[in-house]
Amino acid sequence: MLRRGLRNALPKRDRWHALQEYALGETNQEEFRLLRARDSQVGSLISSQDSAPKAIDWKAWEGKISNKEVFGCLKSFHEQQSALLETVLAEDHKAAVKKQTEGWQLFDESVASCQKSVEKSETILKNGARALWISFQNPPVSLLSQSEWLDADQYWQAFVEKHHFYHNHLASAVEDPESKDYDAKQKNDLKSNWERFDGRGTTRQNNKLLYQRPSFEYYDVMRGPLIEHMIFYLSKTGGDARMFPEVMPTKWFAEIYDIRFKLYNVLQRRKRLEHEASWSRECFHDFHPHDLEHDGEAWFSKLIAKESTATELCAARLMGNFILFSDAYVPVQTGMAFYKALQMDGGKGTFFSLGADVNCLFYKPAGEALPMPDPVECFHSLADHASLTGRKFEAGYATAFESFTEVLQSRQAGLNGCWFTAPGETSSDAFMRRLKKSDPSFHIY
């Protein structure tokens, strides 16, 4: 009933001709004109038929339709629909609408709610306009300070306070640190710096810091720590480089730091003495290049190659005289070595010679077999011999050499007092055990 009342209040449908004002373009106007012409023809035809419609001659249709069941259904449906339409037309719709009093309360509440929403929208619009006007009238960020607050504008107070403590853009009148353009610029700078540093074409930034990267990538980037950690691992365990751990124990890192600080303590003292004595503008550490940043990798590579060549030459000289891996014998090549060998057992042992072409004698002391000497003891003997013969080691080299022997001797705690050989194993067997069979020099040894 409410819908019927609204229909009576709304304009009738025969006023649709006024929609012609909204027909734009010649094509639309022509179509609308033809539509109105057809509507006029239909209206004139309906108005010309003033007489009542003819009744249906059911007897004539009964003779024409052979299927009596279909004819009966059509006749009953027509009678039912005609009765229903006559009943609807006979009703007093205006009286029914006037009797309908329920539902108008809901309509009034809806209207009141819409009016409140309109009022809130107007308030939001006014506040937005006021905020835009205040924002436009405020000075730029570069002219703001915490000492001169804008008491009437709390937004700018919070803006200045936040950016003062968390951003360094108070003097910037061009970039907004909260804009998407600024975030994109920072991301592009990060990617470019990372590409310049890494050079592997990666775009994932979740492991942008070295401590967030896997150890193999860390060692791939930082070759210096790889050599340092690998040397310490091989010296500490005597194992194979293929068994290098993913992450070394924390205690090992602490030992590496202690060795490094001990070495730099000696190098720094040497540098200070030289600096104070020469009063030069710049001075450098021993065993370090002048430009560590650019020439450090190449310089230390040459130093390692030089030490490796010296070690190979020393091993070749020992092998040439059959001194290498002579566990039960004391090799003698000098008068001092001859005197030291005799002092071991009072000259009760026996000297052996391998021929005139071997520049060495071998002394076998009487009694038990010779024990394996400690690395630190061997270093001290070598350092004393170099000092007595006027060939003293450099302070930095001696400190590094001594630290290396100390790391070697630290194996004794885990190998039951042994540091090179297993219990009951000779030094030659220990050396061949560590040497790869695929090494070119394996058949030589």
Foldseek 3Di string as FASTA:
>chain_A
DVVVVVQVVDDDPVPCLVCLVVQDDPVSNVVSVVVVVVVVVVVVVVVVPPDDDDDDPLVVVCVVDPPVVVSVVVVVVVVVVVVVVVVVVPDDVVVVVVVDDPPVVVVVVVVVVVVVVVVVVVVVVVVVVVVVVVVVPDDALLPDDPVDDPVVDVVVVVVNVVCVPPHDCSNPRDDDCPDPVNVVVVLVVLVVVQCVQQVPPDSDCPQSDLVSDFQVSNCVRVVVVVVLLLLLVCLQAVADSVPDDRDDDPVSVVLSVVLVVVLVVQQVVVQVVVCVVVVDPDTDTPQADPPCVPCVVVSVVVVVVVVVVVVVVVVVLCVQQVNPQPQQWQKDQDPVSVVVLCVVAVNPWDWDDPDPSRRIIITGDPDDGDDDDQLLVVLVVVQVVCVVVVNHDDPSVSSVSNSSSVSQQVNCVVQVHDRQDHVPDGNVVSVLVRDDPPDPCNVVD
